[in-house]
Amino acid sequence: MKILHIEADTDTRTLVKELLGNIKGHTVMTVADGETGLRRIRQWKPQLILTELHLPRIDGFELIKTIKQNQHLTNIPIIVVSTLSRTLYRQQGQQLDVAAYLSKPLELDRLCRQVKQCQA
């Protein structure tokens, strides 16, 4: 499974890449901002997108809206992994039709379960 992880924090990108990249059959690409993420999505065609909402250049909300409006990208499952955990942000994320909304600090077991569900 090709997974694109869009996250501004270097440590989180490294942790998620190591965790998911060690699962057989997973290839993980990471980028640090929404603009680069959108370019990589169009070029690389990932099968799953993990994204933070608070991103430089293009925020996660705008990124998700852009993906959902593109008929070639709209079926890619998106998991939001965010420090923005308040109910308002969670509701906005769910309104954007994401597969899951996970709050930081990240529970690695829960992330792995959500990724596995997106594979099914």
PDB file of N, CA and C in Angstrom:
ATOM      1  N   MET A   1       0.844  -1.173   0.000  1.00  0.00           N
ATOM      2  CA  MET A   1       0.000   0.000   0.000  1.00  0.00           C
ATOM      3  C   MET A   1       0.894   1.241   0.000  1.00  0.00           C
ATOM      4  N   LYS A   2       0.612   2.151  -0.896  1.00  0.00           N
ATOM      5  CA  LYS A   2       1.350   3.413  -0.983  1.00  0.00           C
ATOM      6  C   LYS A   2       0.677   4.433  -0.065  1.00  0.00           C
ATOM      7  N   ILE A   3       1.426   4.902   0.938  1.00  0.00           N
ATOM      8  CA  ILE A   3       0.900   5.829   1.939  1.00  0.00           C
ATOM      9  C   ILE A   3       1.668   7.136   1.865  1.00  0.00           C
ATOM     10  N   LEU A   4       0.940   8.242   1.764  1.00  0.00           N
ATOM     11  CA  LEU A   4       1.551   9.568   1.814  1.00  0.00           C
ATOM     12  C   LEU A   4       1.220  10.183   3.167  1.00  0.00           C
ATOM     13  N   HIS A   5       2.254  10.584   3.898  1.00  0.00           N
ATOM     14  CA  HIS A   5       2.084  11.212   5.208  1.00  0.00           C
ATOM     15  C   HIS A   5       2.490  12.682   5.095  1.00  0.00           C
ATOM     16  N   ILE A   6       1.526  13.570   5.358  1.00  0.00           N
ATOM     17  CA  ILE A   6       1.755  15.017   5.264  1.00  0.00           C
ATOM     18  C   ILE A   6       1.757  15.570   6.675  1.00  0.00           C
ATOM     19  N   GLU A   7       2.922  15.998   7.139  1.00  0.00           N
ATOM     20  CA  GLU A   7       3.111  16.382   8.536  1.00  0.00           C
ATOM     21  C   GLU A   7       4.262  17.370   8.649  1.00  0.00           C
ATOM     22  N   ALA A   8       4.054  18.479   9.340  1.00  0.00           N
ATOM     23  CA  ALA A   8       5.089  19.498   9.489  1.00  0.00           C
ATOM     24  C   ALA A   8       6.177  19.080  10.471  1.00  0.00           C
ATOM     25  N   ASP A   9       5.830  18.284  11.471  1.00  0.00           N
ATOM     26  CA  ASP A   9       6.780  17.906  12.512  1.00  0.00           C
ATOM     27  C   ASP A   9       7.695  16.769  12.042  1.00  0.00           C
ATOM     28  N   THR A  10       8.976  17.021  12.032  1.00  0.00           N
ATOM     29  CA  THR A  10       9.967  16.057  11.551  1.00  0.00           C
ATOM     30  C   THR A  10       9.942  14.761  12.356  1.00  0.00           C
ATOM     31  N   ASP A  11       9.871  14.861  13.683  1.00  0.00           N
ATOM     32  CA  ASP A  11       9.889  13.663  14.521  1.00  0.00           C
ATOM     33  C   ASP A  11       8.678  12.772  14.249  1.00  0.00           C
ATOM     34  N   THR A  12       7.510  13.385  14.080  1.00  0.00           N
ATOM     35  CA  THR A  12       6.305  12.606  13.800  1.00  0.00           C
ATOM     36  C   THR A  12       6.407  11.942  12.438  1.00  0.00           C
ATOM     37  N   ARG A  13       6.913  12.674  11.432  1.00  0.00           N
ATOM     38  CA  ARG A  13       7.091  12.073  10.102  1.00  0.00           C
ATOM     39  C   ARG A  13       8.006  10.859  10.176  1.00  0.00           C
ATOM     40  N   THR A  14       9.109  10.994  10.888  1.00  0.00           N
ATOM     41  CA  THR A  14      10.074   9.903  11.010  1.00  0.00           C
ATOM     42  C   THR A  14       9.457   8.702  11.717  1.00  0.00           C
ATOM     43  N   LEU A  15       8.765   8.944  12.815  1.00  0.00           N
ATOM     44  CA  LEU A  15       8.142   7.870  13.586  1.00  0.00           C
ATOM     45  C   LEU A  15       7.126   7.102  12.749  1.00  0.00           C
ATOM     46  N   VAL A  16       6.237   7.809  12.082  1.00  0.00           N
ATOM     47  CA  VAL A  16       5.190   7.159  11.287  1.00  0.00           C
ATOM     48  C   VAL A  16       5.798   6.415  10.102  1.00  0.00           C
ATOM     49  N   LYS A  17       6.794   7.009   9.472  1.00  0.00           N
ATOM     50  CA  LYS A  17       7.434   6.344   8.328  1.00  0.00           C
ATOM     51  C   LYS A  17       8.098   5.037   8.766  1.00  0.00           C
ATOM     52  N   GLU A  18       8.785   5.067   9.900  1.00  0.00           N
ATOM     53  CA  GLU A  18       9.431   3.848  10.391  1.00  0.00           C
ATOM     54  C   GLU A  18       8.394   2.801  10.782  1.00  0.00           C
ATOM     55  N   LEU A  19       7.344   3.225  11.465  1.00  0.00           N
ATOM     56  CA  LEU A  19       6.315   2.288  11.913  1.00  0.00           C
ATOM     57  C   LEU A  19       5.603   1.627  10.735  1.00  0.00           C
ATOM     58  N   LEU A  20       5.053   2.431   9.845  1.00  0.00           N
ATOM     59  CA  LEU A  20       4.270   1.884   8.735  1.00  0.00           C
ATOM     60  C   LEU A  20       5.150   1.299   7.635  1.00  0.00           C
ATOM     61  N   GLY A  21       6.337   1.850   7.464  1.00  0.00           N
ATOM     62  CA  GLY A  21       7.255   1.340   6.448  1.00  0.00           C
ATOM     63  C   GLY A  21       7.779  -0.046   6.757  1.00  0.00           C
ATOM     64  N   ASN A  22       7.726  -0.436   8.039  1.00  0.00           N
ATOM     65  CA  ASN A  22       8.181  -1.770   8.435  1.00  0.00           C
ATOM     66  C   ASN A  22       7.107  -2.840   8.266  1.00  0.00           C
ATOM     67  N   ILE A  23       5.920  -2.429   7.881  1.00  0.00           N
ATOM     68  CA  ILE A  23       4.850  -3.389   7.630  1.00  0.00           C
ATOM     69  C   ILE A  23       4.969  -3.851   6.183  1.00  0.00           C
ATOM     70  N   LYS A  24       5.042  -5.152   5.995  1.00  0.00           N
ATOM     71  CA  LYS A  24       5.234  -5.716   4.660  1.00  0.00           C
ATOM     72  C   LYS A  24       4.189  -5.186   3.684  1.00  0.00           C
ATOM     73  N   GLY A  25       4.650  -4.745   2.534  1.00  0.00           N
ATOM     74  CA  GLY A  25       3.756  -4.272   1.489  1.00  0.00           C
ATOM     75  C   GLY A  25       3.445  -2.781   1.555  1.00  0.00           C
ATOM     76  N   HIS A  26       3.973  -2.078   2.567  1.00  0.00           N
ATOM     77  CA  HIS A  26       3.721  -0.641   2.682  1.00  0.00           C
ATOM     78  C   HIS A  26       4.929   0.167   2.236  1.00  0.00           C
ATOM     79  N   THR A  27       4.665   1.173   1.422  1.00  0.00           N
ATOM     80  CA  THR A  27       5.676   2.150   1.038  1.00  0.00           C
ATOM     81  C   THR A  27       5.175   3.498   1.531  1.00  0.00           C
ATOM     82  N   VAL A  28       5.997   4.201   2.299  1.00  0.00           N
ATOM     83  CA  VAL A  28       5.573   5.460   2.896  1.00  0.00           C
ATOM     84  C   VAL A  28       6.431   6.600   2.361  1.00  0.00           C
ATOM     85  N   MET A  29       5.764   7.627   1.845  1.00  0.00           N
ATOM     86  CA  MET A  29       6.421   8.863   1.429  1.00  0.00           C
ATOM     87  C   MET A  29       5.965   9.954   2.396  1.00  0.00           C
ATOM     88  N   THR A  30       6.874  10.832   2.790  1.00  0.00           N
ATOM     89  CA  THR A  30       6.515  11.914   3.697  1.00  0.00           C
ATOM     90  C   THR A  30       6.840  13.264   3.079  1.00  0.00           C
ATOM     91  N   VAL A  31       5.993  14.247   3.399  1.00  0.00           N
ATOM     92  CA  VAL A  31       6.240  15.637   2.999  1.00  0.00           C
ATOM     93  C   VAL A  31       5.860  16.535   4.178  1.00  0.00           C
ATOM     94  N   ALA A  32       6.378  17.773   4.174  1.00  0.00           N
ATOM     95  CA  ALA A  32       6.250  18.654   5.335  1.00  0.00           C
ATOM     96  C   ALA A  32       5.198  19.745   5.209  1.00  0.00           C
ATOM     97  N   ASP A  33       4.548  19.884   4.044  1.00  0.00           N
ATOM     98  CA  ASP A  33       3.553  20.950   3.907  1.00  0.00           C
ATOM     99  C   ASP A  33       2.455  20.535   2.929  1.00  0.00           C
ATOM    100  N   GLY A  34       1.340  21.240   3.011  1.00  0.00           N
ATOM    101  CA  GLY A  34       0.180  20.893   2.206  1.00  0.00           C
ATOM    102  C   GLY A  34       0.368  21.082   0.718  1.00  0.00           C
ATOM    103  N   GLU A  35       1.102  22.105   0.321  1.00  0.00           N
ATOM    104  CA  GLU A  35       1.318  22.356  -1.110  1.00  0.00           C
ATOM    105  C   GLU A  35       2.117  21.222  -1.748  1.00  0.00           C
ATOM    106  N   THR A  36       3.198  20.833  -1.098  1.00  0.00           N
ATOM    107  CA  THR A  36       4.002  19.717  -1.609  1.00  0.00           C
ATOM    108  C   THR A  36       3.185  18.428  -1.552  1.00  0.00           C
ATOM    109  N   GLY A  37       2.386  18.273  -0.499  1.00  0.00           N
ATOM    110  CA  GLY A  37       1.534  17.101  -0.381  1.00  0.00           C
ATOM    111  C   GLY A  37       0.576  16.967  -1.548  1.00  0.00           C
ATOM    112  N   LEU A  38      -0.046  18.061  -1.930  1.00  0.00           N
ATOM    113  CA  LEU A  38      -0.981  18.033  -3.051  1.00  0.00           C
ATOM    114  C   LEU A  38      -0.274  17.653  -4.351  1.00  0.00           C
ATOM    115  N   ARG A  39       0.921  18.190  -4.564  1.00  0.00           N
ATOM    116  CA  ARG A  39       1.701  17.818  -5.750  1.00  0.00           C
ATOM    117  C   ARG A  39       2.029  16.320  -5.746  1.00  0.00           C
ATOM    118  N   ARG A  40       2.472  15.811  -4.593  1.00  0.00           N
ATOM    119  CA  ARG A  40       2.831  14.385  -4.492  1.00  0.00           C
ATOM    120  C   ARG A  40       1.604  13.487  -4.699  1.00  0.00           C
ATOM    121  N   ILE A  41       0.454  13.914  -4.205  1.00  0.00           N
ATOM    122  CA  ILE A  41      -0.768  13.133  -4.389  1.00  0.00           C
ATOM    123  C   ILE A  41      -1.052  12.991  -5.874  1.00  0.00           C
ATOM    124  N   ARG A  42      -0.947  14.083  -6.598  1.00  0.00           N
ATOM    125  CA  ARG A  42      -1.237  14.051  -8.040  1.00  0.00           C
ATOM    126  C   ARG A  42      -0.216  13.235  -8.811  1.00  0.00           C
ATOM    127  N   GLN A  43       1.042  13.274  -8.388  1.00  0.00           N
ATOM    128  CA  GLN A  43       2.107  12.565  -9.098  1.00  0.00           C
ATOM    129  C   GLN A  43       2.196  11.092  -8.710  1.00  0.00           C
ATOM    130  N   TRP A  44       2.089  10.805  -7.430  1.00  0.00           N
ATOM    131  CA  TRP A  44       2.402   9.483  -6.893  1.00  0.00           C
ATOM    132  C   TRP A  44       1.171   8.598  -6.747  1.00  0.00           C
ATOM    133  N   LYS A  45      -0.016   9.190  -6.685  1.00  0.00           N
ATOM    134  CA  LYS A  45      -1.283   8.445  -6.553  1.00  0.00           C
ATOM    135  C   LYS A  45      -1.253   7.457  -5.367  1.00  0.00           C
ATOM    136  N   PRO A  46      -1.135   7.983  -4.143  1.00  0.00           N
ATOM    137  CA  PRO A  46      -1.108   7.080  -2.980  1.00  0.00           C
ATOM    138  C   PRO A  46      -2.451   6.372  -2.805  1.00  0.00           C
ATOM    139  N   GLN A  47      -2.416   5.286  -2.065  1.00  0.00           N
ATOM    140  CA  GLN A  47      -3.635   4.535  -1.765  1.00  0.00           C
ATOM    141  C   GLN A  47      -4.233   4.942  -0.417  1.00  0.00           C
ATOM    142  N   LEU A  48      -3.462   5.719   0.349  1.00  0.00           N
ATOM    143  CA  LEU A  48      -3.904   6.232   1.640  1.00  0.00           C
ATOM    144  C   LEU A  48      -3.143   7.521   1.925  1.00  0.00           C
ATOM    145  N   ILE A  49      -3.848   8.490   2.501  1.00  0.00           N
ATOM    146  CA  ILE A  49      -3.232   9.760   2.891  1.00  0.00           C
ATOM    147  C   ILE A  49      -3.412   9.945   4.387  1.00  0.00           C
ATOM    148  N   LEU A  50      -2.309  10.228   5.084  1.00  0.00           N
ATOM    149  CA  LEU A  50      -2.344  10.636   6.486  1.00  0.00           C
ATOM    150  C   LEU A  50      -1.977  12.107   6.501  1.00  0.00           C
ATOM    151  N   THR A  51      -2.781  12.945   7.151  1.00  0.00           N
ATOM    152  CA  THR A  51      -2.452  14.364   7.155  1.00  0.00           C
ATOM    153  C   THR A  51      -2.777  15.035   8.477  1.00  0.00           C
ATOM    154  N   GLU A  52      -1.952  15.963   8.840  1.00  0.00           N
ATOM    155  CA  GLU A  52      -2.195  16.901   9.935  1.00  0.00           C
ATOM    156  C   GLU A  52      -3.095  17.991   9.366  1.00  0.00           C
ATOM    157  N   LEU A  53      -3.840  18.684  10.200  1.00  0.00           N
ATOM    158  CA  LEU A  53      -4.658  19.801   9.720  1.00  0.00           C
ATOM    159  C   LEU A  53      -3.883  21.116   9.741  1.00  0.00           C
ATOM    160  N   HIS A  54      -3.023  21.265  10.732  1.00  0.00           N
ATOM    161  CA  HIS A  54      -2.250  22.502  10.883  1.00  0.00           C
ATOM    162  C   HIS A  54      -0.944  22.357  10.099  1.00  0.00           C
ATOM    163  N   LEU A  55      -0.993  22.760   8.818  1.00  0.00           N
ATOM    164  CA  LEU A  55       0.151  22.611   7.914  1.00  0.00           C
ATOM    165  C   LEU A  55       0.548  23.954   7.334  1.00  0.00           C
ATOM    166  N   PRO A  56       1.827  24.126   7.004  1.00  0.00           N
ATOM    167  CA  PRO A  56       2.230  25.334   6.279  1.00  0.00           C
ATOM    168  C   PRO A  56       1.786  25.284   4.816  1.00  0.00           C
ATOM    169  N   ARG A  57       1.694  26.432   4.218  1.00  0.00           N
ATOM    170  CA  ARG A  57       1.402  26.680   2.806  1.00  0.00           C
ATOM    171  C   ARG A  57      -0.054  26.407   2.423  1.00  0.00           C
ATOM    172  N   ILE A  58      -0.540  25.194   2.559  1.00  0.00           N
ATOM    173  CA  ILE A  58      -1.959  24.877   2.386  1.00  0.00           C
ATOM    174  C   ILE A  58      -2.347  24.063   3.620  1.00  0.00           C
ATOM    175  N   ASP A  59      -3.342  24.536   4.379  1.00  0.00           N
ATOM    176  CA  ASP A  59      -3.695  23.790   5.589  1.00  0.00           C
ATOM    177  C   ASP A  59      -4.430  22.500   5.236  1.00  0.00           C
ATOM    178  N   GLY A  60      -4.555  21.624   6.224  1.00  0.00           N
ATOM    179  CA  GLY A  60      -5.148  20.316   5.994  1.00  0.00           C
ATOM    180  C   GLY A  60      -6.599  20.361   5.539  1.00  0.00           C
ATOM    181  N   PHE A  61      -7.372  21.345   6.045  1.00  0.00           N
ATOM    182  CA  PHE A  61      -8.766  21.455   5.615  1.00  0.00           C
ATOM    183  C   PHE A  61      -8.850  21.740   4.117  1.00  0.00           C
ATOM    184  N   GLU A  62      -8.057  22.697   3.657  1.00  0.00           N
ATOM    185  CA  GLU A  62      -8.057  23.056   2.235  1.00  0.00           C
ATOM    186  C   GLU A  62      -7.535  21.894   1.394  1.00  0.00           C
ATOM    187  N   LEU A  63      -6.521  21.219   1.880  1.00  0.00           N
ATOM    188  CA  LEU A  63      -5.970  20.053   1.187  1.00  0.00           C
ATOM    189  C   LEU A  63      -7.045  18.987   0.985  1.00  0.00           C
ATOM    190  N   ILE A  64      -7.773  18.666   2.050  1.00  0.00           N
ATOM    191  CA  ILE A  64      -8.806  17.637   1.968  1.00  0.00           C
ATOM    192  C   ILE A  64      -9.923  18.063   1.019  1.00  0.00           C
ATOM    193  N   LYS A  65     -10.345  19.317   1.104  1.00  0.00           N
ATOM    194  CA  LYS A  65     -11.393  19.813   0.200  1.00  0.00           C
ATOM    195  C   LYS A  65     -10.959  19.679  -1.258  1.00  0.00           C
ATOM    196  N   THR A  66      -9.709  20.016  -1.534  1.00  0.00           N
ATOM    197  CA  THR A  66      -9.185  19.927  -2.904  1.00  0.00           C
ATOM    198  C   THR A  66      -9.189  18.476  -3.385  1.00  0.00           C
ATOM    199  N   ILE A  67      -8.772  17.567  -2.532  1.00  0.00           N
ATOM    200  CA  ILE A  67      -8.764  16.144  -2.886  1.00  0.00           C
ATOM    201  C   ILE A  67     -10.177  15.659  -3.175  1.00  0.00           C
ATOM    202  N   LYS A  68     -11.108  16.012  -2.310  1.00  0.00           N
ATOM    203  CA  LYS A  68     -12.488  15.530  -2.437  1.00  0.00           C
ATOM    204  C   LYS A  68     -13.198  16.117  -3.657  1.00  0.00           C
ATOM    205  N   GLN A  69     -12.735  17.242  -4.161  1.00  0.00           N
ATOM    206  CA  GLN A  69     -13.346  17.861  -5.340  1.00  0.00           C
ATOM    207  C   GLN A  69     -12.777  17.331  -6.642  1.00  0.00           C
ATOM    208  N   ASN A  70     -11.732  16.530  -6.580  1.00  0.00           N
ATOM    209  CA  ASN A  70     -11.082  15.997  -7.767  1.00  0.00           C
ATOM    210  C   ASN A  70     -11.555  14.556  -7.990  1.00  0.00           C
ATOM    211  N   GLN A  71     -12.241  14.311  -9.091  1.00  0.00           N
ATOM    212  CA  GLN A  71     -12.815  12.982  -9.339  1.00  0.00           C
ATOM    213  C   GLN A  71     -11.774  11.869  -9.395  1.00  0.00           C
ATOM    214  N   HIS A  72     -10.520  12.199  -9.702  1.00  0.00           N
ATOM    215  CA  HIS A  72      -9.465  11.184  -9.780  1.00  0.00           C
ATOM    216  C   HIS A  72      -8.856  10.878  -8.415  1.00  0.00           C
ATOM    217  N   LEU A  73      -9.118  11.748  -7.420  1.00  0.00           N
ATOM    218  CA  LEU A  73      -8.497  11.597  -6.108  1.00  0.00           C
ATOM    219  C   LEU A  73      -9.502  11.330  -4.991  1.00  0.00           C
ATOM    220  N   THR A  74     -10.758  11.612  -5.239  1.00  0.00           N
ATOM    221  CA  THR A  74     -11.760  11.611  -4.171  1.00  0.00           C
ATOM    222  C   THR A  74     -11.923  10.284  -3.451  1.00  0.00           C
ATOM    223  N   ASN A  75     -11.576   9.173  -4.064  1.00  0.00           N
ATOM    224  CA  ASN A  75     -11.745   7.867  -3.428  1.00  0.00           C
ATOM    225  C   ASN A  75     -10.556   7.433  -2.583  1.00  0.00           C
ATOM    226  N   ILE A  76      -9.506   8.245  -2.521  1.00  0.00           N
ATOM    227  CA  ILE A  76      -8.360   7.912  -1.675  1.00  0.00           C
ATOM    228  C   ILE A  76      -8.761   8.141  -0.217  1.00  0.00           C
ATOM    229  N   PRO A  77      -8.673   7.110   0.634  1.00  0.00           N
ATOM    230  CA  PRO A  77      -9.014   7.319   2.038  1.00  0.00           C
ATOM    231  C   PRO A  77      -8.016   8.269   2.706  1.00  0.00           C
ATOM    232  N   ILE A  78      -8.545   9.082   3.611  1.00  0.00           N
ATOM    233  CA  ILE A  78      -7.733  10.066   4.330  1.00  0.00           C
ATOM    234  C   ILE A  78      -7.912   9.840   5.819  1.00  0.00           C
ATOM    235  N   ILE A  79      -6.790   9.750   6.522  1.00  0.00           N
ATOM    236  CA  ILE A  79      -6.802   9.703   7.984  1.00  0.00           C
ATOM    237  C   ILE A  79      -6.181  11.006   8.479  1.00  0.00           C
ATOM    238  N   VAL A  80      -6.927  11.744   9.279  1.00  0.00           N
ATOM    239  CA  VAL A  80      -6.413  12.969   9.886  1.00  0.00           C
ATOM    240  C   VAL A  80      -5.748  12.591  11.203  1.00  0.00           C
ATOM    241  N   VAL A  81      -4.512  13.052  11.384  1.00  0.00           N
ATOM    242  CA  VAL A  81      -3.774  12.865  12.625  1.00  0.00           C
ATOM    243  C   VAL A  81      -3.373  14.267  13.063  1.00  0.00           C
ATOM    244  N   SER A  82      -4.057  14.798  14.101  1.00  0.00           N
ATOM    245  CA  SER A  82      -3.899  16.218  14.356  1.00  0.00           C
ATOM    246  C   SER A  82      -3.804  16.582  15.826  1.00  0.00           C
ATOM    247  N   THR A  83      -3.100  17.664  16.075  1.00  0.00           N
ATOM    248  CA  THR A  83      -3.080  18.271  17.404  1.00  0.00           C
ATOM    249  C   THR A  83      -4.358  19.062  17.638  1.00  0.00           C
ATOM    250  N   LEU A  84      -5.084  19.377  16.568  1.00  0.00           N
ATOM    251  CA  LEU A  84      -6.346  20.108  16.676  1.00  0.00           C
ATOM    252  C   LEU A  84      -7.435  19.107  17.047  1.00  0.00           C
ATOM    253  N   SER A  85      -7.581  18.836  18.334  1.00  0.00           N
ATOM    254  CA  SER A  85      -8.453  17.751  18.769  1.00  0.00           C
ATOM    255  C   SER A  85      -9.798  18.221  19.315  1.00  0.00           C
ATOM    256  N   ARG A  86     -10.018  19.496  19.375  1.00  0.00           N
ATOM    257  CA  ARG A  86     -11.295  19.969  19.909  1.00  0.00           C
ATOM    258  C   ARG A  86     -12.456  19.461  19.059  1.00  0.00           C
ATOM    259  N   THR A  87     -13.608  19.384  19.683  1.00  0.00           N
ATOM    260  CA  THR A  87     -14.807  18.851  19.032  1.00  0.00           C
ATOM    261  C   THR A  87     -15.097  19.552  17.716  1.00  0.00           C
ATOM    262  N   LEU A  88     -14.923  20.870  17.658  1.00  0.00           N
ATOM    263  CA  LEU A  88     -15.195  21.627  16.435  1.00  0.00           C
ATOM    264  C   LEU A  88     -14.338  21.120  15.279  1.00  0.00           C
ATOM    265  N   TYR A  89     -13.049  20.944  15.509  1.00  0.00           N
ATOM    266  CA  TYR A  89     -12.157  20.469  14.445  1.00  0.00           C
ATOM    267  C   TYR A  89     -12.493  19.035  14.046  1.00  0.00           C
ATOM    268  N   ARG A  90     -12.807  18.215  15.031  1.00  0.00           N
ATOM    269  CA  ARG A  90     -13.173  16.826  14.750  1.00  0.00           C
ATOM    270  C   ARG A  90     -14.425  16.781  13.866  1.00  0.00           C
ATOM    271  N   GLN A  91     -15.422  17.607  14.190  1.00  0.00           N
ATOM    272  CA  GLN A  91     -16.651  17.659  13.391  1.00  0.00           C
ATOM    273  C   GLN A  91     -16.366  18.151  11.980  1.00  0.00           C
ATOM    274  N   GLN A  92     -15.529  19.174  11.847  1.00  0.00           N
ATOM    275  CA  GLN A  92     -15.183  19.679  10.515  1.00  0.00           C
ATOM    276  C   GLN A  92     -14.471  18.601   9.707  1.00  0.00           C
ATOM    277  N   GLY A  93     -13.570  17.862  10.336  1.00  0.00           N
ATOM    278  CA  GLY A  93     -12.870  16.781   9.651  1.00  0.00           C
ATOM    279  C   GLY A  93     -13.815  15.700   9.195  1.00  0.00           C
ATOM    280  N   GLN A  94     -14.768  15.337  10.039  1.00  0.00           N
ATOM    281  CA  GLN A  94     -15.730  14.299   9.672  1.00  0.00           C
ATOM    282  C   GLN A  94     -16.659  14.777   8.565  1.00  0.00           C
ATOM    283  N   GLN A  95     -16.979  16.073   8.543  1.00  0.00           N
ATOM    284  CA  GLN A  95     -17.816  16.612   7.474  1.00  0.00           C
ATOM    285  C   GLN A  95     -17.100  16.537   6.130  1.00  0.00           C
ATOM    286  N   LEU A  96     -15.788  16.496   6.158  1.00  0.00           N
ATOM    287  CA  LEU A  96     -15.014  16.391   4.922  1.00  0.00           C
ATOM    288  C   LEU A  96     -14.874  14.945   4.457  1.00  0.00           C
ATOM    289  N   ASP A  97     -15.563  14.027   5.127  1.00  0.00           N
ATOM    290  CA  ASP A  97     -15.599  12.623   4.712  1.00  0.00           C
ATOM    291  C   ASP A  97     -14.224  11.964   4.790  1.00  0.00           C
ATOM    292  N   VAL A  98     -13.605  12.042   5.965  1.00  0.00           N
ATOM    293  CA  VAL A  98     -12.333  11.347   6.170  1.00  0.00           C
ATOM    294  C   VAL A  98     -12.602   9.983   6.781  1.00  0.00           C
ATOM    295  N   ALA A  99     -11.683   9.061   6.571  1.00  0.00           N
ATOM    296  CA  ALA A  99     -11.842   7.697   7.075  1.00  0.00           C
ATOM    297  C   ALA A  99     -11.731   7.650   8.596  1.00  0.00           C
ATOM    298  N   ALA A 100     -10.873   8.504   9.166  1.00  0.00           N
ATOM    299  CA  ALA A 100     -10.679   8.526  10.618  1.00  0.00           C
ATOM    300  C   ALA A 100     -10.061   9.859  11.022  1.00  0.00           C
ATOM    301  N   TYR A 101     -10.268  10.209  12.280  1.00  0.00           N
ATOM    302  CA  TYR A 101      -9.693  11.425  12.856  1.00  0.00           C
ATOM    303  C   TYR A 101      -9.017  11.001  14.152  1.00  0.00           C
ATOM    304  N   LEU A 102      -7.689  11.024  14.166  1.00  0.00           N
ATOM    305  CA  LEU A 102      -6.910  10.626  15.335  1.00  0.00           C
ATOM    306  C   LEU A 102      -6.255  11.856  15.945  1.00  0.00           C
ATOM    307  N   SER A 103      -6.318  11.952  17.255  1.00  0.00           N
ATOM    308  CA  SER A 103      -5.719  13.080  17.956  1.00  0.00           C
ATOM    309  C   SER A 103      -4.305  12.740  18.403  1.00  0.00           C
ATOM    310  N   LYS A 104      -3.473  13.764  18.467  1.00  0.00           N
ATOM    311  CA  LYS A 104      -2.131  13.615  19.035  1.00  0.00           C
ATOM    312  C   LYS A 104      -2.234  13.909  20.527  1.00  0.00           C
ATOM    313  N   PRO A 105      -1.406  13.295  21.368  1.00  0.00           N
ATOM    314  CA  PRO A 105      -0.319  12.404  20.983  1.00  0.00           C
ATOM    315  C   PRO A 105      -0.859  11.128  20.335  1.00  0.00           C
ATOM    316  N   LEU A 106      -0.142  10.686  19.359  1.00  0.00           N
ATOM    317  CA  LEU A 106      -0.569   9.589  18.507  1.00  0.00           C
ATOM    318  C   LEU A 106      -0.480   8.249  19.226  1.00  0.00           C
ATOM    319  N   GLU A 107      -1.556   7.494  19.176  1.00  0.00           N
ATOM    320  CA  GLU A 107      -1.565   6.116  19.675  1.00  0.00           C
ATOM    321  C   GLU A 107      -1.212   5.221  18.491  1.00  0.00           C
ATOM    322  N   LEU A 108      -0.007   4.661  18.512  1.00  0.00           N
ATOM    323  CA  LEU A 108       0.508   3.926  17.358  1.00  0.00           C
ATOM    324  C   LEU A 108      -0.331   2.691  17.034  1.00  0.00           C
ATOM    325  N   ASP A 109      -0.813   1.983  18.045  1.00  0.00           N
ATOM    326  CA  ASP A 109      -1.663   0.809  17.789  1.00  0.00           C
ATOM    327  C   ASP A 109      -2.941   1.219  17.067  1.00  0.00           C
ATOM    328  N   ARG A 110      -3.528   2.323  17.502  1.00  0.00           N
ATOM    329  CA  ARG A 110      -4.769   2.797  16.872  1.00  0.00           C
ATOM    330  C   ARG A 110      -4.513   3.201  15.422  1.00  0.00           C
ATOM    331  N   LEU A 111      -3.380   3.877  15.172  1.00  0.00           N
ATOM    332  CA  LEU A 111      -3.036   4.248  13.806  1.00  0.00           C
ATOM    333  C   LEU A 111      -2.912   3.010  12.936  1.00  0.00           C
ATOM    334  N   CYS A 112      -2.229   1.989  13.421  1.00  0.00           N
ATOM    335  CA  CYS A 112      -2.064   0.747  12.647  1.00  0.00           C
ATOM    336  C   CYS A 112      -3.418   0.097  12.349  1.00  0.00           C
ATOM    337  N   ARG A 113      -4.316   0.099  13.324  1.00  0.00           N
ATOM    338  CA  ARG A 113      -5.662  -0.466  13.099  1.00  0.00           C
ATOM    339  C   ARG A 113      -6.413   0.306  12.027  1.00  0.00           C
ATOM    340  N   GLN A 114      -6.320   1.639  12.072  1.00  0.00           N
ATOM    341  CA  GLN A 114      -7.025   2.469  11.078  1.00  0.00           C
ATOM    342  C   GLN A 114      -6.450   2.246   9.675  1.00  0.00           C
ATOM    343  N   VAL A 115      -5.140   2.136   9.583  1.00  0.00           N
ATOM    344  CA  VAL A 115      -4.505   1.876   8.289  1.00  0.00           C
ATOM    345  C   VAL A 115      -4.982   0.529   7.754  1.00  0.00           C
ATOM    346  N   LYS A 116      -5.016  -0.475   8.612  1.00  0.00           N
ATOM    347  CA  LYS A 116      -5.472  -1.810   8.207  1.00  0.00           C
ATOM    348  C   LYS A 116      -6.923  -1.759   7.729  1.00  0.00           C
ATOM    349  N   GLN A 117      -7.782  -0.996   8.401  1.00  0.00           N
ATOM    350  CA  GLN A 117      -9.174  -0.875   7.982  1.00  0.00           C
ATOM    351  C   GLN A 117      -9.285  -0.227   6.603  1.00  0.00           C
ATOM    352  N   CYS A 118      -8.419   0.710   6.307  1.00  0.00           N
ATOM    353  CA  CYS A 118      -8.444   1.378   5.006  1.00  0.00           C
ATOM    354  C   CYS A 118      -7.985   0.451   3.890  1.00  0.00           C
ATOM    355  N   GLN A 119      -7.242  -0.584   4.218  1.00  0.00           N
ATOM    356  CA  GLN A 119      -6.790  -1.548   3.223  1.00  0.00           C
ATOM    357  C   GLN A 119      -7.905  -2.473   2.792  1.00  0.00           C
ATOM    358  N   ALA A 120      -8.847  -2.717   3.686  1.00  0.00           N
ATOM    359  CA  ALA A 120      -9.911  -3.693   3.414  1.00  0.00           C
ATOM    360  C   ALA A 120     -10.848  -3.229   2.327  1.00  0.00           C
TER     361      ALA A 120
END
